Amino acid sequence: MPVGFRILPRARAVAPALVERFRKLPVANVSDSMSRIFAAGPRLRPMHQGGVMAGPAFTVRCRPGDNLMVHKAIDMAEAGDVVVVDAGGDLTNAIIGELMLAQMVRRKLGGIVINGAIRDSGALAKQPFPVYAAGITHRGPYKDGPGEINVAIGFEGLVIEPGDMILGDEDGFVSVPYADAETVCIATEAKHAAEGKQMAEIEAGTVDRAWVDATLRKLGCEGV
């Protein structure tokens, strides 16, 4: 197959049981558990009514402003998959709108992430199907290609491979590498539990804040 016009099978995907464990965790805690260097950037924002996105990545690389391969990916993706589209970050033409959203809902996909734009934003904002994108425009897409499916993609400092764990909430979304998913999940579950305990201490007024002054003294701050 020619480079730039390839449709590949996905060789692996995070297990459904692991997806459900991640679904209960905040994106911020997952990000912290990966040393805060795997964020997808602030440009890609939730465009839907609200709710968690969780599932294995089904990746697409397409020409900016062209959604031919996105249509094919929607037909190929399995229930629960999150279609992740690198459209070059261009906001001139929308990659999806209300009709494609309806098709994804019918196929019971887990969500879509687009490094590009959407349209029909009012309709998308009123429904719970997870949609993350970099912007909005009324201009529709072309359907000429080229593009690739199930290849490694990268944007906003994040590399995403087919089958990686994709998690999104109100703060944005994050991708967890397939090989690290179990380890990151365990670390995040521990962090989430620790933060729950800390919140209870804050509400009870028993939290220890001595570390603030200790840190300031260590840094040489006067007046502490």
N, C-alpha and C. Protein backbone atom coordinates (compact mmCIF):
# COMPACT_ATOMS: atom_id res chain seq x y z
N MET A 1 0.84 -1.19 0.00
CA MET A 1 0.00 0.00 0.00
C MET A 1 0.88 1.25 0.00
N PRO A 2 0.50 2.28 -0.76
CA PRO A 2 1.32 3.49 -0.81
C PRO A 2 1.29 4.25 0.50
N VAL A 3 2.42 4.80 0.91
CA VAL A 3 2.46 5.62 2.11
C VAL A 3 1.54 6.82 1.91
N GLY A 4 0.70 7.06 2.89
CA GLY A 4 -0.26 8.16 2.80
C GLY A 4 -1.65 7.71 2.40
N PHE A 5 -1.77 6.45 1.97
CA PHE A 5 -3.08 5.91 1.60
C PHE A 5 -3.16 4.47 2.09
N ARG A 6 -3.05 4.29 3.43
CA ARG A 6 -2.99 2.95 4.01
C ARG A 6 -4.12 2.74 5.01
N ILE A 7 -4.73 1.58 4.94
CA ILE A 7 -5.72 1.16 5.93
C ILE A 7 -5.20 -0.14 6.55
N LEU A 8 -4.80 -0.05 7.82
CA LEU A 8 -4.15 -1.17 8.48
C LEU A 8 -5.06 -1.76 9.56
N PRO A 9 -4.89 -3.03 9.87
CA PRO A 9 -5.62 -3.60 11.01
C PRO A 9 -4.99 -3.14 12.31
N ARG A 10 -5.78 -3.11 13.36
CA ARG A 10 -5.25 -2.78 14.68
C ARG A 10 -4.80 -4.07 15.35
N ALA A 11 -3.55 -4.12 15.77
CA ALA A 11 -2.98 -5.36 16.28
C ALA A 11 -3.27 -5.60 17.76
N ARG A 12 -3.64 -4.54 18.50
CA ARG A 12 -3.81 -4.69 19.95
C ARG A 12 -4.73 -3.58 20.45
N ALA A 13 -5.26 -3.76 21.66
CA ALA A 13 -6.09 -2.74 22.28
C ALA A 13 -6.16 -3.01 23.77
N VAL A 14 -6.24 -1.97 24.57
CA VAL A 14 -6.37 -2.14 26.01
C VAL A 14 -7.65 -2.94 26.29
N ALA A 15 -7.61 -3.78 27.32
CA ALA A 15 -8.71 -4.67 27.64
C ALA A 15 -9.91 -3.89 28.19
N PRO A 16 -11.13 -4.37 27.90
CA PRO A 16 -12.34 -3.69 28.40
C PRO A 16 -12.35 -3.50 29.92
N ALA A 17 -11.86 -4.48 30.67
CA ALA A 17 -11.85 -4.35 32.13
C ALA A 17 -10.96 -3.19 32.58
N LEU A 18 -9.84 -2.99 31.88
CA LEU A 18 -8.94 -1.88 32.22
C LEU A 18 -9.58 -0.56 31.83
N VAL A 19 -10.27 -0.53 30.71
CA VAL A 19 -10.98 0.68 30.30
C VAL A 19 -11.96 1.12 31.39
N GLU A 20 -12.70 0.17 31.96
CA GLU A 20 -13.68 0.51 32.99
C GLU A 20 -13.02 1.01 34.26
N ARG A 21 -11.84 0.52 34.57
CA ARG A 21 -11.12 1.04 35.74
C ARG A 21 -10.69 2.49 35.50
N PHE A 22 -10.19 2.78 34.29
CA PHE A 22 -9.80 4.15 33.96
C PHE A 22 -11.01 5.08 33.96
N ARG A 23 -12.16 4.57 33.56
CA ARG A 23 -13.36 5.42 33.45
C ARG A 23 -13.71 6.09 34.78
N LYS A 24 -13.30 5.49 35.89
CA LYS A 24 -13.62 6.01 37.22
C LYS A 24 -12.59 7.03 37.71
N LEU A 25 -11.57 7.31 36.92
CA LEU A 25 -10.46 8.15 37.37
C LEU A 25 -10.44 9.50 36.65
N PRO A 26 -10.08 10.58 37.35
CA PRO A 26 -9.97 11.88 36.70
C PRO A 26 -8.76 11.95 35.77
N VAL A 27 -8.92 12.65 34.66
CA VAL A 27 -7.82 12.83 33.73
C VAL A 27 -6.63 13.49 34.43
N ALA A 28 -6.90 14.44 35.31
CA ALA A 28 -5.81 15.14 36.00
C ALA A 28 -4.95 14.18 36.82
N ASN A 29 -5.58 13.22 37.48
CA ASN A 29 -4.82 12.24 38.26
C ASN A 29 -3.99 11.33 37.36
N VAL A 30 -4.55 10.96 36.21
CA VAL A 30 -3.80 10.14 35.26
C VAL A 30 -2.59 10.92 34.75
N SER A 31 -2.80 12.18 34.43
CA SER A 31 -1.71 13.03 33.97
C SER A 31 -0.61 13.14 35.02
N ASP A 32 -1.01 13.35 36.27
CA ASP A 32 -0.03 13.43 37.36
C ASP A 32 0.76 12.12 37.48
N SER A 33 0.08 11.00 37.27
CA SER A 33 0.74 9.70 37.41
C SER A 33 1.69 9.40 36.27
N MET A 34 1.66 10.23 35.22
CA MET A 34 2.62 10.10 34.11
C MET A 34 3.56 11.31 34.08
N SER A 35 3.82 11.86 35.27
CA SER A 35 4.79 12.95 35.45
C SER A 35 4.41 14.24 34.74
N ARG A 36 3.14 14.36 34.34
CA ARG A 36 2.59 15.61 33.80
C ARG A 36 3.23 16.03 32.49
N ILE A 37 3.74 15.07 31.72
CA ILE A 37 4.37 15.44 30.45
C ILE A 37 3.68 14.79 29.26
N PHE A 38 2.53 14.16 29.47
CA PHE A 38 1.84 13.47 28.38
C PHE A 38 0.49 14.12 28.07
N ALA A 39 0.31 15.38 28.42
CA ALA A 39 -0.96 16.06 28.15
C ALA A 39 -1.12 16.32 26.66
N ALA A 40 -2.37 16.38 26.23
CA ALA A 40 -2.65 16.62 24.82
C ALA A 40 -2.78 18.10 24.50
N GLY A 41 -2.51 18.96 25.46
CA GLY A 41 -2.55 20.39 25.21
C GLY A 41 -3.93 20.98 25.46
N PRO A 42 -3.98 22.29 25.71
CA PRO A 42 -5.25 22.94 26.07
C PRO A 42 -6.17 23.23 24.88
N ARG A 43 -5.70 23.08 23.65
CA ARG A 43 -6.52 23.44 22.50
C ARG A 43 -7.68 22.47 22.28
N LEU A 44 -7.48 21.20 22.57
CA LEU A 44 -8.53 20.22 22.31
C LEU A 44 -9.48 20.15 23.50
N ARG A 45 -10.68 20.68 23.30
CA ARG A 45 -11.63 20.83 24.38
C ARG A 45 -12.86 19.97 24.16
N PRO A 46 -13.56 19.58 25.23
CA PRO A 46 -14.81 18.85 25.08
C PRO A 46 -15.87 19.72 24.41
N MET A 47 -16.53 19.16 23.41
CA MET A 47 -17.57 19.88 22.68
C MET A 47 -18.95 19.32 22.96
N HIS A 48 -19.04 18.30 23.82
CA HIS A 48 -20.31 17.64 24.09
C HIS A 48 -20.89 18.13 25.42
N GLN A 49 -22.03 17.58 25.76
CA GLN A 49 -22.76 18.00 26.95
C GLN A 49 -21.99 17.74 28.23
N GLY A 50 -21.19 16.71 28.25
CA GLY A 50 -20.43 16.35 29.43
C GLY A 50 -20.42 14.85 29.61
N GLY A 51 -19.51 14.39 30.41
CA GLY A 51 -19.40 12.96 30.63
C GLY A 51 -18.03 12.44 30.22
N VAL A 52 -17.73 11.24 30.66
CA VAL A 52 -16.40 10.66 30.50
C VAL A 52 -16.27 9.95 29.16
N MET A 53 -15.11 10.10 28.55
CA MET A 53 -14.74 9.32 27.36
C MET A 53 -13.65 8.34 27.77
N ALA A 54 -13.84 7.06 27.45
CA ALA A 54 -12.84 6.05 27.79
C ALA A 54 -12.91 4.92 26.79
N GLY A 55 -11.75 4.55 26.23
CA GLY A 55 -11.73 3.44 25.29
C GLY A 55 -10.38 3.36 24.58
N PRO A 56 -10.17 2.28 23.84
CA PRO A 56 -8.94 2.12 23.08
C PRO A 56 -8.91 3.01 21.84
N ALA A 57 -7.73 3.50 21.50
CA ALA A 57 -7.59 4.41 20.36
C ALA A 57 -7.71 3.67 19.03
N PHE A 58 -8.47 4.28 18.12
CA PHE A 58 -8.55 3.85 16.73
C PHE A 58 -8.11 5.06 15.93
N THR A 59 -6.87 5.03 15.45
CA THR A 59 -6.23 6.24 14.97
C THR A 59 -6.46 6.50 13.49
N VAL A 60 -6.48 7.79 13.16
CA VAL A 60 -6.64 8.25 11.77
C VAL A 60 -5.72 9.43 11.52
N ARG A 61 -4.99 9.40 10.43
CA ARG A 61 -4.26 10.58 9.97
C ARG A 61 -4.90 11.00 8.65
N CYS A 62 -5.35 12.24 8.56
CA CYS A 62 -5.99 12.68 7.33
C CYS A 62 -5.42 14.03 6.88
N ARG A 63 -5.65 14.33 5.64
CA ARG A 63 -5.26 15.64 5.11
C ARG A 63 -6.11 16.70 5.78
N PRO A 64 -5.52 17.84 6.16
CA PRO A 64 -6.32 18.90 6.77
C PRO A 64 -7.54 19.24 5.92
N GLY A 65 -8.71 19.25 6.54
CA GLY A 65 -9.94 19.60 5.84
C GLY A 65 -10.59 18.47 5.08
N ASP A 66 -10.05 17.25 5.17
CA ASP A 66 -10.58 16.11 4.43
C ASP A 66 -10.94 14.99 5.40
N ASN A 67 -12.15 14.44 5.26
CA ASN A 67 -12.59 13.43 6.23
C ASN A 67 -12.90 12.07 5.61
N LEU A 68 -12.39 11.78 4.42
CA LEU A 68 -12.66 10.50 3.78
C LEU A 68 -12.27 9.33 4.68
N MET A 69 -11.05 9.38 5.24
CA MET A 69 -10.59 8.28 6.07
C MET A 69 -11.29 8.23 7.43
N VAL A 70 -11.83 9.34 7.86
CA VAL A 70 -12.61 9.34 9.10
C VAL A 70 -13.90 8.56 8.89
N HIS A 71 -14.53 8.75 7.75
CA HIS A 71 -15.71 7.95 7.42
C HIS A 71 -15.39 6.45 7.44
N LYS A 72 -14.27 6.10 6.83
CA LYS A 72 -13.88 4.68 6.80
C LYS A 72 -13.58 4.17 8.20
N ALA A 73 -12.94 4.98 9.02
CA ALA A 73 -12.62 4.57 10.39
C ALA A 73 -13.89 4.33 11.20
N ILE A 74 -14.89 5.16 11.02
CA ILE A 74 -16.15 4.97 11.73
C ILE A 74 -16.79 3.64 11.34
N ASP A 75 -16.67 3.27 10.08
CA ASP A 75 -17.21 1.98 9.63
C ASP A 75 -16.42 0.80 10.18
N MET A 76 -15.12 0.98 10.41
CA MET A 76 -14.26 -0.11 10.86
C MET A 76 -14.21 -0.26 12.37
N ALA A 77 -14.30 0.84 13.11
CA ALA A 77 -14.10 0.83 14.56
C ALA A 77 -15.15 -0.04 15.24
N GLU A 78 -14.75 -0.63 16.35
CA GLU A 78 -15.63 -1.49 17.12
C GLU A 78 -16.31 -0.70 18.24
N ALA A 79 -17.39 -1.25 18.77
CA ALA A 79 -18.10 -0.61 19.87
C ALA A 79 -17.13 -0.30 21.01
N GLY A 80 -17.19 0.92 21.52
CA GLY A 80 -16.32 1.34 22.61
C GLY A 80 -15.03 2.00 22.17
N ASP A 81 -14.64 1.85 20.90
CA ASP A 81 -13.41 2.47 20.41
C ASP A 81 -13.54 4.00 20.39
N VAL A 82 -12.42 4.67 20.63
CA VAL A 82 -12.35 6.12 20.50
C VAL A 82 -11.56 6.43 19.22
N VAL A 83 -12.22 7.06 18.27
CA VAL A 83 -11.56 7.45 17.03
C VAL A 83 -10.74 8.71 17.30
N VAL A 84 -9.44 8.64 17.06
CA VAL A 84 -8.54 9.77 17.31
C VAL A 84 -7.97 10.22 15.98
N VAL A 85 -8.25 11.47 15.62
CA VAL A 85 -7.97 11.97 14.28
C VAL A 85 -6.94 13.08 14.33
N ASP A 86 -5.84 12.89 13.61
CA ASP A 86 -4.89 13.98 13.41
C ASP A 86 -5.20 14.61 12.06
N ALA A 87 -5.85 15.78 12.13
CA ALA A 87 -6.18 16.54 10.91
C ALA A 87 -5.27 17.75 10.77
N GLY A 88 -4.08 17.63 11.35
CA GLY A 88 -3.08 18.69 11.18
C GLY A 88 -3.32 19.93 12.02
N GLY A 89 -4.36 19.92 12.85
CA GLY A 89 -4.65 21.09 13.67
C GLY A 89 -5.29 22.23 12.91
N ASP A 90 -5.61 22.01 11.64
CA ASP A 90 -6.20 23.06 10.81
C ASP A 90 -7.67 23.25 11.15
N LEU A 91 -8.11 24.51 11.24
CA LEU A 91 -9.49 24.81 11.62
C LEU A 91 -10.29 25.41 10.46
N THR A 92 -9.76 25.33 9.26
CA THR A 92 -10.44 25.92 8.11
C THR A 92 -11.71 25.17 7.75
N ASN A 93 -11.65 23.84 7.78
CA ASN A 93 -12.80 23.00 7.42
C ASN A 93 -13.09 22.03 8.56
N ALA A 94 -14.37 21.79 8.81
CA ALA A 94 -14.76 20.84 9.85
C ALA A 94 -14.51 19.41 9.37
N ILE A 95 -14.15 18.56 10.31
CA ILE A 95 -13.93 17.14 10.01
C ILE A 95 -15.20 16.32 10.24
N ILE A 96 -15.98 16.67 11.25
CA ILE A 96 -17.26 15.99 11.47
C ILE A 96 -18.35 17.00 11.79
N GLY A 97 -19.60 16.54 11.70
CA GLY A 97 -20.75 17.32 12.11
C GLY A 97 -21.82 16.39 12.64
N GLU A 98 -23.05 16.86 12.64
CA GLU A 98 -24.15 16.13 13.28
C GLU A 98 -24.43 14.78 12.63
N LEU A 99 -24.32 14.68 11.31
CA LEU A 99 -24.63 13.42 10.64
C LEU A 99 -23.61 12.33 10.98
N MET A 100 -22.33 12.69 10.96
CA MET A 100 -21.31 11.70 11.32
C MET A 100 -21.41 11.32 12.79
N LEU A 101 -21.79 12.28 13.62
CA LEU A 101 -22.00 11.97 15.03
C LEU A 101 -23.09 10.91 15.18
N ALA A 102 -24.17 11.07 14.45
CA ALA A 102 -25.27 10.10 14.54
C ALA A 102 -24.80 8.70 14.14
N GLN A 103 -23.92 8.63 13.15
CA GLN A 103 -23.39 7.34 12.73
C GLN A 103 -22.53 6.71 13.82
N MET A 104 -21.73 7.52 14.49
CA MET A 104 -20.89 7.01 15.58
C MET A 104 -21.74 6.54 16.76
N VAL A 105 -22.79 7.26 17.06
CA VAL A 105 -23.69 6.85 18.14
C VAL A 105 -24.36 5.53 17.78
N ARG A 106 -24.80 5.40 16.53
CA ARG A 106 -25.45 4.17 16.10
C ARG A 106 -24.52 2.98 16.22
N ARG A 107 -23.24 3.18 15.96
CA ARG A 107 -22.27 2.10 16.04
C ARG A 107 -21.71 1.91 17.45
N LYS A 108 -22.19 2.71 18.39
CA LYS A 108 -21.83 2.59 19.81
C LYS A 108 -20.34 2.77 20.05
N LEU A 109 -19.74 3.72 19.33
CA LEU A 109 -18.33 4.03 19.57
C LEU A 109 -18.19 4.78 20.88
N GLY A 110 -16.93 4.87 21.36
CA GLY A 110 -16.70 5.47 22.67
C GLY A 110 -16.45 6.95 22.65
N GLY A 111 -16.26 7.54 21.47
CA GLY A 111 -16.00 8.97 21.38
C GLY A 111 -15.11 9.27 20.20
N ILE A 112 -14.84 10.56 20.01
CA ILE A 112 -13.93 10.99 18.94
C ILE A 112 -13.12 12.18 19.42
N VAL A 113 -11.84 12.18 19.05
CA VAL A 113 -10.92 13.28 19.32
C VAL A 113 -10.39 13.76 17.98
N ILE A 114 -10.44 15.07 17.75
CA ILE A 114 -10.03 15.62 16.46
C ILE A 114 -9.04 16.76 16.66
N ASN A 115 -7.85 16.60 16.14
CA ASN A 115 -6.91 17.71 16.07
C ASN A 115 -7.27 18.51 14.83
N GLY A 116 -8.40 19.19 14.95
CA GLY A 116 -9.01 19.92 13.86
C GLY A 116 -10.34 20.47 14.34
N ALA A 117 -11.24 20.77 13.42
CA ALA A 117 -12.49 21.45 13.76
C ALA A 117 -13.71 20.57 13.57
N ILE A 118 -14.80 21.00 14.22
CA ILE A 118 -16.11 20.40 14.04
C ILE A 118 -17.06 21.47 13.51
N ARG A 119 -18.26 21.03 13.09
CA ARG A 119 -19.35 21.97 12.85
C ARG A 119 -20.63 21.40 13.47
N ASP A 120 -21.76 22.09 13.29
CA ASP A 120 -23.01 21.71 13.97
C ASP A 120 -22.77 21.68 15.48
N SER A 121 -22.05 22.65 15.97
CA SER A 121 -21.61 22.64 17.36
C SER A 121 -22.78 22.70 18.34
N GLY A 122 -23.87 23.37 17.97
CA GLY A 122 -25.02 23.45 18.85
C GLY A 122 -25.62 22.08 19.10
N ALA A 123 -25.75 21.29 18.04
CA ALA A 123 -26.30 19.94 18.17
C ALA A 123 -25.35 19.05 18.97
N LEU A 124 -24.05 19.16 18.70
CA LEU A 124 -23.08 18.33 19.42
C LEU A 124 -23.05 18.68 20.90
N ALA A 125 -23.26 19.95 21.22
CA ALA A 125 -23.18 20.38 22.61
C ALA A 125 -24.37 19.91 23.44
N LYS A 126 -25.44 19.51 22.79
CA LYS A 126 -26.65 19.10 23.51
C LYS A 126 -26.71 17.60 23.79
N GLN A 127 -25.72 16.86 23.35
CA GLN A 127 -25.78 15.41 23.48
C GLN A 127 -24.55 14.89 24.24
N PRO A 128 -24.63 13.66 24.77
CA PRO A 128 -23.57 13.16 25.65
C PRO A 128 -22.43 12.44 24.96
N PHE A 129 -22.55 12.14 23.65
CA PHE A 129 -21.47 11.41 22.99
C PHE A 129 -20.19 12.24 23.03
N PRO A 130 -19.07 11.68 23.54
CA PRO A 130 -17.86 12.48 23.74
C PRO A 130 -17.22 12.94 22.43
N VAL A 131 -17.05 14.25 22.33
CA VAL A 131 -16.39 14.87 21.17
C VAL A 131 -15.38 15.88 21.70
N TYR A 132 -14.12 15.71 21.31
CA TYR A 132 -13.07 16.67 21.66
C TYR A 132 -12.48 17.21 20.37
N ALA A 133 -12.32 18.52 20.29
CA ALA A 133 -11.80 19.12 19.06
C ALA A 133 -11.08 20.42 19.40
N ALA A 134 -10.37 20.95 18.39
CA ALA A 134 -9.58 22.15 18.59
C ALA A 134 -10.34 23.43 18.23
N GLY A 135 -11.48 23.29 17.55
CA GLY A 135 -12.21 24.49 17.17
C GLY A 135 -13.49 24.18 16.42
N ILE A 136 -14.16 25.25 15.98
CA ILE A 136 -15.46 25.16 15.32
C ILE A 136 -15.44 26.03 14.06
N THR A 137 -16.02 25.50 12.99
CA THR A 137 -16.22 26.28 11.77
C THR A 137 -17.45 25.74 11.04
N HIS A 138 -18.11 26.61 10.28
CA HIS A 138 -19.27 26.15 9.50
C HIS A 138 -18.86 25.51 8.18
N ARG A 139 -17.62 25.69 7.77
CA ARG A 139 -17.17 25.17 6.48
C ARG A 139 -16.99 23.66 6.54
N GLY A 140 -17.62 22.97 5.62
CA GLY A 140 -17.57 21.52 5.62
C GLY A 140 -16.28 20.95 5.03
N PRO A 141 -16.12 19.62 5.13
CA PRO A 141 -14.89 18.95 4.69
C PRO A 141 -14.95 18.51 3.23
N TYR A 142 -13.79 18.12 2.73
CA TYR A 142 -13.68 17.44 1.44
C TYR A 142 -13.56 15.94 1.68
N LYS A 143 -13.69 15.18 0.63
CA LYS A 143 -13.66 13.71 0.75
C LYS A 143 -12.84 13.11 -0.38
N ASP A 144 -11.58 13.50 -0.45
CA ASP A 144 -10.70 13.07 -1.53
C ASP A 144 -9.48 12.28 -1.04
N GLY A 145 -9.21 12.30 0.28
CA GLY A 145 -7.98 11.71 0.76
C GLY A 145 -6.81 12.66 0.53
N PRO A 146 -5.59 12.22 0.77
CA PRO A 146 -5.19 10.91 1.29
C PRO A 146 -5.46 10.80 2.78
N GLY A 147 -4.99 9.69 3.35
CA GLY A 147 -5.13 9.49 4.77
C GLY A 147 -4.70 8.08 5.14
N GLU A 148 -4.55 7.83 6.45
CA GLU A 148 -4.13 6.52 6.93
C GLU A 148 -4.91 6.15 8.18
N ILE A 149 -5.13 4.86 8.35
CA ILE A 149 -5.87 4.34 9.49
C ILE A 149 -5.02 3.34 10.25
N ASN A 150 -5.07 3.45 11.58
CA ASN A 150 -4.32 2.58 12.48
C ASN A 150 -2.80 2.68 12.28
N VAL A 151 -2.34 3.94 12.30
CA VAL A 151 -0.91 4.25 12.32
C VAL A 151 -0.66 5.13 13.53
N ALA A 152 0.59 5.24 13.93
CA ALA A 152 0.93 6.15 15.02
C ALA A 152 0.72 7.58 14.57
N ILE A 153 0.11 8.39 15.43
CA ILE A 153 -0.10 9.80 15.13
C ILE A 153 0.44 10.62 16.28
N GLY A 154 0.66 11.90 16.03
CA GLY A 154 1.19 12.76 17.07
C GLY A 154 0.70 14.18 16.91
N PHE A 155 0.29 14.78 18.02
CA PHE A 155 -0.06 16.20 18.02
C PHE A 155 -0.03 16.74 19.43
N GLU A 156 0.20 18.05 19.55
CA GLU A 156 0.24 18.71 20.85
C GLU A 156 1.21 18.02 21.82
N GLY A 157 2.32 17.50 21.28
CA GLY A 157 3.32 16.86 22.12
C GLY A 157 2.97 15.47 22.59
N LEU A 158 1.95 14.87 21.99
CA LEU A 158 1.48 13.56 22.41
C LEU A 158 1.54 12.60 21.24
N VAL A 159 2.14 11.43 21.46
CA VAL A 159 2.16 10.36 20.47
C VAL A 159 1.10 9.33 20.85
N ILE A 160 0.25 8.98 19.90
CA ILE A 160 -0.83 8.03 20.14
C ILE A 160 -0.72 6.89 19.14
N GLU A 161 -0.71 5.67 19.66
CA GLU A 161 -0.66 4.50 18.80
C GLU A 161 -1.98 3.74 18.89
N PRO A 162 -2.33 3.00 17.84
CA PRO A 162 -3.57 2.23 17.87
C PRO A 162 -3.63 1.33 19.11
N GLY A 163 -4.76 1.34 19.80
CA GLY A 163 -4.94 0.50 20.97
C GLY A 163 -4.54 1.13 22.28
N ASP A 164 -3.91 2.31 22.26
CA ASP A 164 -3.59 3.02 23.50
C ASP A 164 -4.87 3.38 24.25
N MET A 165 -4.74 3.62 25.54
CA MET A 165 -5.88 3.99 26.37
C MET A 165 -6.16 5.49 26.23
N ILE A 166 -7.39 5.84 25.84
CA ILE A 166 -7.81 7.23 25.71
C ILE A 166 -8.82 7.53 26.79
N LEU A 167 -8.57 8.59 27.55
CA LEU A 167 -9.47 9.00 28.63
C LEU A 167 -9.71 10.49 28.54
N GLY A 168 -10.98 10.90 28.65
CA GLY A 168 -11.30 12.32 28.59
C GLY A 168 -12.36 12.70 29.59
N ASP A 169 -12.25 13.92 30.13
CA ASP A 169 -13.30 14.49 30.97
C ASP A 169 -13.31 16.00 30.74
N GLU A 170 -13.84 16.76 31.69
CA GLU A 170 -13.98 18.21 31.49
C GLU A 170 -12.64 18.92 31.35
N ASP A 171 -11.57 18.34 31.85
CA ASP A 171 -10.25 18.97 31.78
C ASP A 171 -9.57 18.76 30.43
N GLY A 172 -10.08 17.86 29.62
CA GLY A 172 -9.43 17.52 28.36
C GLY A 172 -9.26 16.02 28.27
N PHE A 173 -8.29 15.59 27.46
CA PHE A 173 -8.08 14.15 27.32
C PHE A 173 -6.61 13.82 27.41
N VAL A 174 -6.34 12.54 27.69
CA VAL A 174 -4.98 12.06 27.79
C VAL A 174 -4.92 10.66 27.17
N SER A 175 -3.76 10.33 26.64
CA SER A 175 -3.53 9.00 26.09
C SER A 175 -2.49 8.29 26.94
N VAL A 176 -2.78 7.04 27.30
CA VAL A 176 -1.84 6.24 28.08
C VAL A 176 -1.30 5.14 27.16
N PRO A 177 0.02 5.04 26.99
CA PRO A 177 0.57 4.00 26.12
C PRO A 177 0.10 2.61 26.52
N TYR A 178 -0.18 1.79 25.55
CA TYR A 178 -0.70 0.44 25.77
C TYR A 178 0.15 -0.33 26.78
N ALA A 179 1.46 -0.29 26.60
CA ALA A 179 2.36 -1.08 27.45
C ALA A 179 2.39 -0.59 28.90
N ASP A 180 2.01 0.66 29.12
CA ASP A 180 2.08 1.25 30.46
C ASP A 180 0.72 1.35 31.14
N ALA A 181 -0.34 0.94 30.46
CA ALA A 181 -1.69 1.22 30.93
C ALA A 181 -1.97 0.62 32.31
N GLU A 182 -1.62 -0.61 32.53
CA GLU A 182 -1.88 -1.25 33.82
C GLU A 182 -1.13 -0.56 34.94
N THR A 183 0.16 -0.26 34.71
CA THR A 183 0.98 0.41 35.72
C THR A 183 0.44 1.79 36.05
N VAL A 184 0.07 2.54 35.02
CA VAL A 184 -0.46 3.88 35.23
C VAL A 184 -1.80 3.83 35.96
N CYS A 185 -2.61 2.84 35.62
CA CYS A 185 -3.91 2.72 36.28
C CYS A 185 -3.75 2.46 37.77
N ILE A 186 -2.84 1.56 38.13
CA ILE A 186 -2.60 1.25 39.55
C ILE A 186 -2.13 2.50 40.29
N ALA A 187 -1.18 3.23 39.69
CA ALA A 187 -0.65 4.43 40.33
C ALA A 187 -1.74 5.50 40.46
N THR A 188 -2.59 5.62 39.46
CA THR A 188 -3.65 6.62 39.49
C THR A 188 -4.72 6.27 40.52
N GLU A 189 -5.05 5.00 40.62
CA GLU A 189 -6.02 4.58 41.64
C GLU A 189 -5.52 4.93 43.04
N ALA A 190 -4.22 4.72 43.27
CA ALA A 190 -3.64 5.06 44.57
C ALA A 190 -3.67 6.56 44.81
N LYS A 191 -3.34 7.33 43.80
CA LYS A 191 -3.34 8.79 43.94
C LYS A 191 -4.76 9.31 44.18
N HIS A 192 -5.72 8.75 43.45
CA HIS A 192 -7.10 9.18 43.60
C HIS A 192 -7.61 8.89 45.02
N ALA A 193 -7.25 7.73 45.55
CA ALA A 193 -7.64 7.39 46.91
C ALA A 193 -6.99 8.33 47.92
N ALA A 194 -5.70 8.66 47.70
CA ALA A 194 -5.00 9.58 48.61
C ALA A 194 -5.63 10.96 48.58
N GLU A 195 -6.04 11.42 47.39
CA GLU A 195 -6.67 12.73 47.30
C GLU A 195 -8.04 12.73 47.97
N GLY A 196 -8.74 11.59 47.90
CA GLY A 196 -10.01 11.49 48.61
C GLY A 196 -9.82 11.63 50.11
N LYS A 197 -8.77 11.01 50.63
CA LYS A 197 -8.45 11.13 52.05
C LYS A 197 -8.09 12.57 52.41
N GLN A 198 -7.31 13.22 51.54
CA GLN A 198 -6.91 14.60 51.79
C GLN A 198 -8.12 15.53 51.78
N MET A 199 -9.05 15.30 50.87
CA MET A 199 -10.26 16.12 50.82
C MET A 199 -11.05 15.98 52.11
N ALA A 200 -11.13 14.76 52.62
CA ALA A 200 -11.85 14.54 53.88
C ALA A 200 -11.18 15.29 55.02
N GLU A 201 -9.83 15.32 55.03
CA GLU A 201 -9.10 16.04 56.07
C GLU A 201 -9.31 17.55 55.95
N ILE A 202 -9.37 18.04 54.70
CA ILE A 202 -9.63 19.48 54.49
C ILE A 202 -11.00 19.84 55.03
N GLU A 203 -12.00 19.03 54.71
CA GLU A 203 -13.36 19.30 55.16
C GLU A 203 -13.48 19.21 56.67
N ALA A 204 -12.66 18.35 57.28
CA ALA A 204 -12.69 18.20 58.74
C ALA A 204 -11.79 19.20 59.45
N GLY A 205 -10.99 19.94 58.70
CA GLY A 205 -10.08 20.91 59.30
C GLY A 205 -8.89 20.29 59.96
N THR A 206 -8.51 19.08 59.56
CA THR A 206 -7.39 18.38 60.21
C THR A 206 -6.18 18.22 59.28
N VAL A 207 -6.22 18.81 58.13
CA VAL A 207 -5.12 18.65 57.19
C VAL A 207 -3.86 19.35 57.70
N ASP A 208 -2.71 18.73 57.51
CA ASP A 208 -1.42 19.28 57.95
C ASP A 208 -0.87 20.16 56.85
N ARG A 209 -0.76 21.47 57.11
CA ARG A 209 -0.26 22.43 56.12
C ARG A 209 1.17 22.88 56.44
N ALA A 210 1.85 22.17 57.33
CA ALA A 210 3.20 22.59 57.72
C ALA A 210 4.17 22.54 56.57
N TRP A 211 3.86 21.73 55.55
CA TRP A 211 4.78 21.60 54.42
C TRP A 211 4.95 22.91 53.66
N VAL A 212 3.94 23.80 53.73
CA VAL A 212 4.03 25.07 52.99
C VAL A 212 5.17 25.91 53.54
N ASP A 213 5.16 26.15 54.84
CA ASP A 213 6.23 26.94 55.45
C ASP A 213 7.57 26.23 55.36
N ALA A 214 7.57 24.91 55.49
CA ALA A 214 8.82 24.17 55.39
C ALA A 214 9.44 24.35 54.00
N THR A 215 8.63 24.34 52.98
CA THR A 215 9.13 24.53 51.62
C THR A 215 9.65 25.95 51.42
N LEU A 216 8.92 26.93 51.96
CA LEU A 216 9.36 28.32 51.83
C LEU A 216 10.69 28.55 52.53
N ARG A 217 10.86 27.97 53.72
CA ARG A 217 12.14 28.11 54.42
C ARG A 217 13.27 27.45 53.64
N LYS A 218 12.98 26.30 53.06
CA LYS A 218 14.00 25.60 52.28
C LYS A 218 14.43 26.44 51.08
N LEU A 219 13.51 27.22 50.56
CA LEU A 219 13.81 28.06 49.41
C LEU A 219 14.42 29.40 49.80
N GLY A 220 14.59 29.62 51.11
CA GLY A 220 15.24 30.84 51.58
C GLY A 220 14.30 32.03 51.72
N CYS A 221 13.01 31.78 51.79
CA CYS A 221 12.04 32.88 51.89
C CYS A 221 12.13 33.52 53.28
N GLU A 222 12.16 34.85 53.34
CA GLU A 222 12.21 35.56 54.62
C GLU A 222 10.80 35.78 55.14
N GLY A 223 10.68 35.91 56.44
CA GLY A 223 9.39 36.22 57.06
C GLY A 223 8.53 35.00 57.35
N VAL A 224 9.10 33.81 57.22
CA VAL A 224 8.34 32.58 57.48
C VAL A 224 8.62 32.11 58.90
